[in-house]
Amino acid sequence: MLHPEARALLDLMTERGVPPTHTLSPAEARRLYRDRRTFTQPDPVGMADVVDVAAEGPHGPIPLRLYKPLPASDALPVLVYFHGGGWVIGDLDTHDTLCRDLAHGAGCAVVAVDYRMGPEHRFPAAVDDAFAALRWVHAEAGRLGLDASRIAVGGDSAGGNLAAVTALMARDHERDSAANGSALQVMFQLLIYPATDMRRGQPSHTTNGQGYLLTRDTMAYFHDHYIADPQQDTDWRASPLLAPDLSGLPRALVITAGYDPLRDEGLDYADALSRAGNVASHVCFERQIHGFVPMGRVLTEARTAVALCCAELSRAFAAGG
């Protein structure tokens, strides 16, 4: 059964005539996504420090936002976080509250990444920026008051996709020359309803394809604004589920939602990680919709999910991975 709070939210959006994302231009979709966040998201928690910085990227500076929780301390473990939004919408502001909650609850720093998006910058631009940002955070950790030996990656939806891909890329690039030869090792991956297979053929894309906020039409809209050539669907940098080797990856928490088109591919990825010998946990919030985790003002289970993410992050950092 769909959670009554989720049902009420969907009904309210219908009543207020909120247009489906796929009916909007990217600029309109970005504005609407940014504007409506204050209705569903909790009040932002205070931080010891929040500062906007920039990483050196392959195609210019990549905007980042660094969060440090109270009480202030040095050498904090750090979560490099990639926002959701179908590689088309979303930014540092749309996920500001969630990043604060993760920093506060896990007692870690968070670096949010404002990667380039489609249709202006198509695949693999977002991947290039995501990995460049991760490498930069590792290289600059000492200057930023972060612990370069305790780095996690995370994200929701499209951001979960980028987190999974950067974990694979970090594994395949054992040495980070920008950090004076010290190894770049990701110790944990937080994958919140991640997109893992751009072919979109799992049953949940049909069973949950209409009526639950994220629809098949909207997924097609995001896909077509991000992927220029359908043959790129099978590139593992777009579809990490199709990576030829999933062994040797950091411990993962994969969160899915029962009424989400991406439900099955998230579970498939968790299963694939486990089959490859990794430690992977999967938790499905059976009564929830895609995108629920930041909506703690109106969805009680969102607060439960954030608490789970924080607990698993804390445990990973304390254990060293």
Protein backbone atom coordinates (compact mmCIF):
# COMPACT_ATOMS: atom_id res chain seq x y z
CA MET A 1 0.00 0.00 0.00
CA LEU A 2 1.22 3.48 -0.83
CA HIS A 3 1.90 5.37 2.39
CA PRO A 4 -1.04 7.70 3.22
CA GLU A 5 1.34 10.65 3.52
CA ALA A 6 2.75 9.95 0.05
CA ARG A 7 -0.77 9.58 -1.32
CA ALA A 8 -1.75 12.92 0.22
CA LEU A 9 1.30 14.61 -1.32
CA LEU A 10 0.53 13.24 -4.79
CA ASP A 11 -3.11 14.27 -4.48
CA LEU A 12 -2.11 17.78 -3.42
CA MET A 13 0.23 18.12 -6.38
CA THR A 14 -2.61 17.09 -8.70
CA GLU A 15 -5.02 19.47 -7.01
CA ARG A 16 -2.59 22.37 -7.38
CA GLY A 17 -1.89 21.54 -11.01
CA VAL A 18 1.84 20.91 -10.67
CA PRO A 19 2.87 20.10 -14.25
CA PRO A 20 4.78 16.88 -14.97
CA THR A 21 8.47 17.51 -15.49
CA HIS A 22 8.47 16.06 -19.01
CA THR A 23 6.01 18.76 -20.15
CA LEU A 24 8.44 21.56 -19.24
CA SER A 25 11.57 22.99 -20.75
CA PRO A 26 14.73 22.20 -18.78
CA ALA A 27 14.87 25.79 -17.51
CA GLU A 28 11.24 25.65 -16.33
CA ALA A 29 11.74 22.23 -14.77
CA ARG A 30 14.78 23.44 -12.87
CA ARG A 31 12.95 26.47 -11.51
CA LEU A 32 9.92 24.47 -10.40
CA TYR A 33 12.04 21.81 -8.74
CA ARG A 34 13.99 24.48 -6.87
CA ASP A 35 10.90 26.47 -5.85
CA ARG A 36 8.86 23.59 -4.46
CA ARG A 37 11.58 22.24 -2.17
CA THR A 38 10.57 24.49 0.73
CA PHE A 39 7.14 22.86 0.91
CA THR A 40 8.42 19.33 1.47
CA GLN A 41 11.85 19.75 3.05
CA PRO A 42 12.53 20.29 6.77
CA ASP A 43 14.07 23.46 8.12
CA PRO A 44 17.84 23.46 7.50
CA VAL A 45 19.96 22.48 10.49
CA GLY A 46 22.79 24.76 11.57
CA MET A 47 26.38 23.96 10.62
CA ALA A 48 29.77 24.96 12.00
CA ASP A 49 30.69 26.10 8.50
CA VAL A 50 29.19 26.18 5.02
CA VAL A 51 31.41 27.47 2.24
CA ASP A 52 31.19 27.47 -1.54
CA VAL A 53 34.39 26.39 -3.25
CA ALA A 54 35.35 25.11 -6.69
CA ALA A 55 37.22 22.07 -7.93
CA GLU A 56 39.46 22.02 -10.95
CA GLY A 57 37.57 20.12 -13.62
CA PRO A 58 38.47 18.90 -17.11
CA HIS A 59 36.31 21.62 -18.64
CA GLY A 60 36.59 24.39 -16.08
CA PRO A 61 35.77 24.97 -12.41
CA ILE A 62 33.17 22.70 -10.76
CA PRO A 63 31.11 24.46 -8.06
CA LEU A 64 31.10 22.65 -4.71
CA ARG A 65 29.58 23.36 -1.31
CA LEU A 66 31.42 22.19 1.81
CA TYR A 67 29.42 21.51 4.98
CA LYS A 68 31.02 20.99 8.40
CA PRO A 69 28.79 20.03 11.32
CA LEU A 70 28.79 21.28 14.88
CA PRO A 71 30.85 21.01 16.97
CA ALA A 72 33.67 22.30 14.78
CA SER A 73 36.61 19.92 14.38
CA ASP A 74 39.45 19.12 12.01
CA ALA A 75 40.25 16.04 9.94
CA LEU A 76 36.61 15.16 9.44
CA PRO A 77 35.59 12.17 7.34
CA VAL A 78 33.81 13.37 4.22
CA LEU A 79 30.91 12.34 2.04
CA VAL A 80 31.15 13.57 -1.57
CA TYR A 81 27.50 13.96 -2.54
CA PHE A 82 25.90 14.14 -5.99
CA HIS A 83 22.38 15.55 -6.17
CA GLY A 84 19.49 13.91 -7.99
CA GLY A 85 17.38 15.33 -10.78
CA GLY A 86 17.78 13.10 -13.81
CA TRP A 87 21.08 14.70 -14.90
CA VAL A 88 18.91 17.67 -16.01
CA ILE A 89 17.52 19.42 -12.90
CA GLY A 90 18.71 19.96 -9.33
CA ASP A 91 21.59 21.96 -7.89
CA LEU A 92 23.39 22.82 -4.68
CA ASP A 93 20.32 24.57 -3.28
CA THR A 94 17.79 21.80 -3.99
CA HIS A 95 19.80 19.39 -1.83
CA ASP A 96 21.17 21.84 0.72
CA THR A 97 18.91 20.64 3.55
CA LEU A 98 19.63 16.95 2.90
CA CYS A 99 23.38 17.57 2.85
CA ARG A 100 23.10 19.42 6.17
CA ASP A 101 21.09 16.55 7.65
CA LEU A 102 23.68 14.00 6.54
CA ALA A 103 26.56 16.07 7.90
CA HIS A 104 24.80 16.63 11.22
CA GLY A 105 23.55 13.09 11.66
CA ALA A 106 26.73 11.30 10.59
CA GLY A 107 29.17 13.72 12.17
CA CYS A 108 31.03 14.13 8.91
CA ALA A 109 31.76 16.81 6.37
CA VAL A 110 29.76 16.78 3.15
CA VAL A 111 30.96 18.16 -0.17
CA ALA A 112 28.06 18.66 -2.59
CA VAL A 113 28.94 18.68 -6.28
CA ASP A 114 27.26 20.92 -8.88
CA TYR A 115 28.17 18.82 -11.93
CA ARG A 116 27.31 19.83 -15.49
CA MET A 117 23.96 18.60 -16.77
CA GLY A 118 22.06 17.94 -20.00
CA PRO A 119 20.94 18.99 -22.43
CA GLU A 120 23.65 21.66 -22.43
CA HIS A 121 26.31 19.14 -21.41
CA ARG A 122 25.50 15.54 -22.27
CA PHE A 123 26.98 12.25 -21.09
CA PRO A 124 29.72 11.78 -20.02
CA ALA A 125 30.10 15.39 -18.84
CA ALA A 126 28.44 14.69 -15.48
CA VAL A 127 30.66 11.62 -14.97
CA ASP A 128 33.79 13.58 -15.79
CA ASP A 129 32.86 16.31 -13.31
CA ALA A 130 31.87 13.85 -10.60
CA PHE A 131 35.18 12.00 -10.69
CA ALA A 132 37.19 15.21 -11.01
CA ALA A 133 35.42 16.56 -7.93
CA LEU A 134 36.18 13.39 -5.97
CA ARG A 135 39.84 13.52 -6.94
CA TRP A 136 40.01 17.21 -6.00
CA VAL A 137 38.46 16.63 -2.58
CA HIS A 138 41.00 13.88 -1.93
CA ALA A 139 43.91 16.03 -3.09
CA GLU A 140 42.81 19.10 -1.12
CA ALA A 141 41.58 17.28 1.99
CA GLY A 142 44.33 18.54 4.28
CA ARG A 143 43.79 22.16 3.29
CA LEU A 144 40.03 21.77 3.76
CA GLY A 145 40.32 20.16 7.19
CA LEU A 146 39.20 16.74 5.93
CA ASP A 147 40.56 13.24 6.40
CA ALA A 148 41.74 11.98 3.00
CA SER A 149 41.72 8.39 4.27
CA ARG A 150 37.99 8.45 5.09
CA ILE A 151 36.05 9.42 1.97
CA ALA A 152 32.59 8.16 0.98
CA VAL A 153 30.52 8.87 -2.09
CA GLY A 154 26.75 9.19 -2.21
CA GLY A 155 23.81 10.51 -4.10
CA ASP A 156 20.15 10.11 -4.90
CA SER A 157 18.64 9.00 -8.22
CA ALA A 158 20.92 10.41 -10.94
CA GLY A 159 23.32 11.30 -8.15
CA GLY A 160 23.22 7.70 -6.95
CA ASN A 161 24.19 6.70 -10.46
CA LEU A 162 27.17 9.07 -10.37
CA ALA A 163 28.19 7.84 -6.91
CA ALA A 164 28.19 4.23 -8.11
CA VAL A 165 30.19 5.17 -11.21
CA THR A 166 32.76 7.22 -9.28
CA ALA A 167 33.26 4.31 -6.87
CA LEU A 168 34.07 2.13 -9.88
CA MET A 169 36.39 4.76 -11.32
CA ALA A 170 38.18 5.23 -8.00
CA ARG A 171 38.77 1.48 -7.79
CA ASP A 172 40.28 1.54 -11.28
CA HIS A 173 42.50 4.52 -10.48
CA GLU A 174 44.30 3.31 -7.38
CA ARG A 175 46.74 6.17 -7.31
CA ASP A 176 45.80 9.85 -7.31
CA SER A 177 48.76 11.77 -8.65
CA ALA A 178 47.24 15.08 -7.52
CA ALA A 179 47.63 13.97 -3.88
CA ASN A 180 51.40 13.42 -3.94
CA GLY A 181 51.02 9.75 -4.70
CA SER A 182 48.69 8.87 -1.83
CA ALA A 183 46.04 6.31 -2.69
CA LEU A 184 42.50 7.45 -3.42
CA GLN A 185 40.24 4.92 -1.74
CA VAL A 186 36.49 5.27 -1.34
CA MET A 187 35.35 3.50 1.83
CA PHE A 188 31.56 3.62 1.46
CA GLN A 189 28.89 4.28 -1.15
CA LEU A 190 25.46 5.64 -0.21
CA LEU A 191 23.12 4.91 -3.12
CA ILE A 192 19.63 6.34 -2.67
CA TYR A 193 17.21 4.95 -5.29
CA PRO A 194 20.03 4.96 -7.86
CA ALA A 195 19.59 4.75 -11.62
CA THR A 196 21.83 1.85 -12.61
CA ASP A 197 20.56 0.71 -16.04
CA MET A 198 19.77 3.27 -18.70
CA ARG A 199 17.97 0.64 -20.79
CA ARG A 200 15.04 0.98 -18.33
CA GLY A 201 13.68 -2.50 -18.98
CA GLN A 202 13.01 -3.74 -15.45
CA PRO A 203 9.38 -4.56 -14.53
CA SER A 204 9.08 -1.65 -12.09
CA HIS A 205 9.42 0.78 -14.98
CA THR A 206 6.04 -0.55 -16.11
CA THR A 207 4.28 -1.30 -12.83
CA ASN A 208 5.32 2.04 -11.30
CA GLY A 209 5.48 3.96 -14.56
CA GLN A 210 2.49 6.22 -13.97
CA GLY A 211 0.94 7.93 -10.99
CA TYR A 212 3.84 8.03 -8.52
CA LEU A 213 5.62 11.33 -9.27
CA LEU A 214 8.46 9.91 -11.37
CA THR A 215 6.92 8.44 -14.51
CA ARG A 216 8.15 6.55 -17.56
CA ASP A 217 7.59 9.71 -19.61
CA THR A 218 9.72 11.75 -17.24
CA MET A 219 12.43 9.09 -17.24
CA ALA A 220 12.46 9.22 -21.04
CA TYR A 221 12.71 13.02 -20.85
CA PHE A 222 15.71 12.80 -18.52
CA HIS A 223 17.34 10.06 -20.58
CA ASP A 224 16.97 11.90 -23.86
CA HIS A 225 18.35 15.13 -22.43
CA TYR A 226 21.36 13.29 -21.00
CA ILE A 227 22.17 10.53 -23.47
CA ALA A 228 22.81 11.69 -27.03
CA ASP A 229 23.23 8.23 -28.58
CA PRO A 230 21.11 5.24 -27.42
CA GLN A 231 24.18 3.03 -27.86
CA GLN A 232 25.61 4.81 -24.83
CA ASP A 233 22.95 3.12 -22.68
CA THR A 234 25.23 0.11 -22.33
CA ASP A 235 28.32 2.14 -21.41
CA TRP A 236 28.99 1.24 -17.76
CA ARG A 237 29.63 4.90 -16.99
CA ALA A 238 25.94 5.44 -17.79
CA SER A 239 24.73 2.05 -16.53
CA PRO A 240 26.96 0.83 -13.70
CA LEU A 241 24.88 -2.37 -13.46
CA LEU A 242 26.49 -3.32 -16.79
CA ALA A 243 30.08 -2.85 -15.62
CA PRO A 244 32.08 -5.94 -16.59
CA ASP A 245 33.67 -6.20 -13.14
CA LEU A 246 31.91 -5.16 -9.93
CA SER A 247 34.42 -6.72 -7.55
CA GLY A 248 36.62 -4.85 -5.11
CA LEU A 249 34.15 -2.06 -4.38
CA PRO A 250 33.50 -0.31 -1.07
CA ARG A 251 30.66 -1.32 1.22
CA ALA A 252 27.31 -0.01 0.01
CA LEU A 253 23.89 0.89 1.31
CA VAL A 254 21.27 0.84 -1.45
CA ILE A 255 17.91 2.40 -0.59
CA THR A 256 14.91 1.92 -2.88
CA ALA A 257 11.22 2.83 -2.79
CA GLY A 258 8.36 0.43 -3.47
CA TYR A 259 6.45 2.76 -5.81
CA ASP A 260 9.46 3.89 -7.84
CA PRO A 261 10.21 3.03 -11.48
CA LEU A 262 13.86 2.63 -10.40
CA ARG A 263 13.05 0.11 -7.66
CA ASP A 264 14.12 -3.03 -9.51
CA GLU A 265 17.37 -1.71 -10.94
CA GLY A 266 18.40 -0.53 -7.47
CA LEU A 267 17.79 -4.02 -6.09
CA ASP A 268 19.54 -5.53 -9.10
CA TYR A 269 22.60 -3.42 -8.37
CA ALA A 270 22.67 -4.40 -4.71
CA ASP A 271 22.40 -8.05 -5.72
CA ALA A 272 25.16 -7.65 -8.31
CA LEU A 273 27.45 -6.03 -5.72
CA SER A 274 26.84 -8.93 -3.35
CA ARG A 275 27.41 -11.56 -6.04
CA ALA A 276 30.73 -9.89 -6.84
CA GLY A 277 31.88 -10.36 -3.25
CA ASN A 278 31.21 -6.89 -1.89
CA VAL A 279 29.39 -6.01 1.33
CA ALA A 280 26.09 -4.46 0.24
CA SER A 281 22.90 -3.80 2.18
CA HIS A 282 19.55 -3.12 0.53
CA VAL A 283 16.58 -1.50 2.24
CA CYS A 284 13.33 -0.90 0.37
CA PHE A 285 10.82 1.56 1.79
CA GLU A 286 7.92 -0.37 0.34
CA ARG A 287 5.28 2.36 0.76
CA GLN A 288 7.27 5.26 -0.68
CA ILE A 289 7.76 7.06 -3.98
CA HIS A 290 10.86 8.12 -5.84
CA GLY A 291 12.43 11.25 -4.38
CA PHE A 292 11.00 10.81 -0.89
CA VAL A 293 14.20 11.00 1.16
CA PRO A 294 14.59 14.82 1.31
CA MET A 295 10.86 15.32 2.05
CA GLY A 296 11.03 15.09 5.82
CA ARG A 297 8.57 17.94 6.37
CA VAL A 298 5.68 15.93 4.92
CA LEU A 299 6.85 12.28 4.91
CA THR A 300 7.64 10.63 8.24
CA GLU A 301 9.50 7.76 6.60
CA ALA A 302 11.86 10.25 4.97
CA ARG A 303 13.22 11.09 8.41
CA THR A 304 13.66 7.39 9.09
CA ALA A 305 15.58 6.97 5.84
CA VAL A 306 17.89 9.90 6.59
CA ALA A 307 18.58 8.49 10.06
CA LEU A 308 19.48 5.15 8.48
CA CYS A 309 21.85 6.84 6.01
CA CYS A 310 23.54 8.72 8.85
CA ALA A 311 23.91 5.61 10.98
CA GLU A 312 25.49 3.63 8.15
CA LEU A 313 27.82 6.48 7.26
CA SER A 314 28.93 6.81 10.88
CA ARG A 315 29.51 3.08 11.14
CA ALA A 316 31.56 2.99 7.96
CA PHE A 317 33.74 5.92 8.99
CA ALA A 318 34.27 4.49 12.48
CA ALA A 319 35.21 1.08 11.08
CA GLY A 320 37.44 2.45 8.38
CA GLY A 321 35.19 1.16 5.60
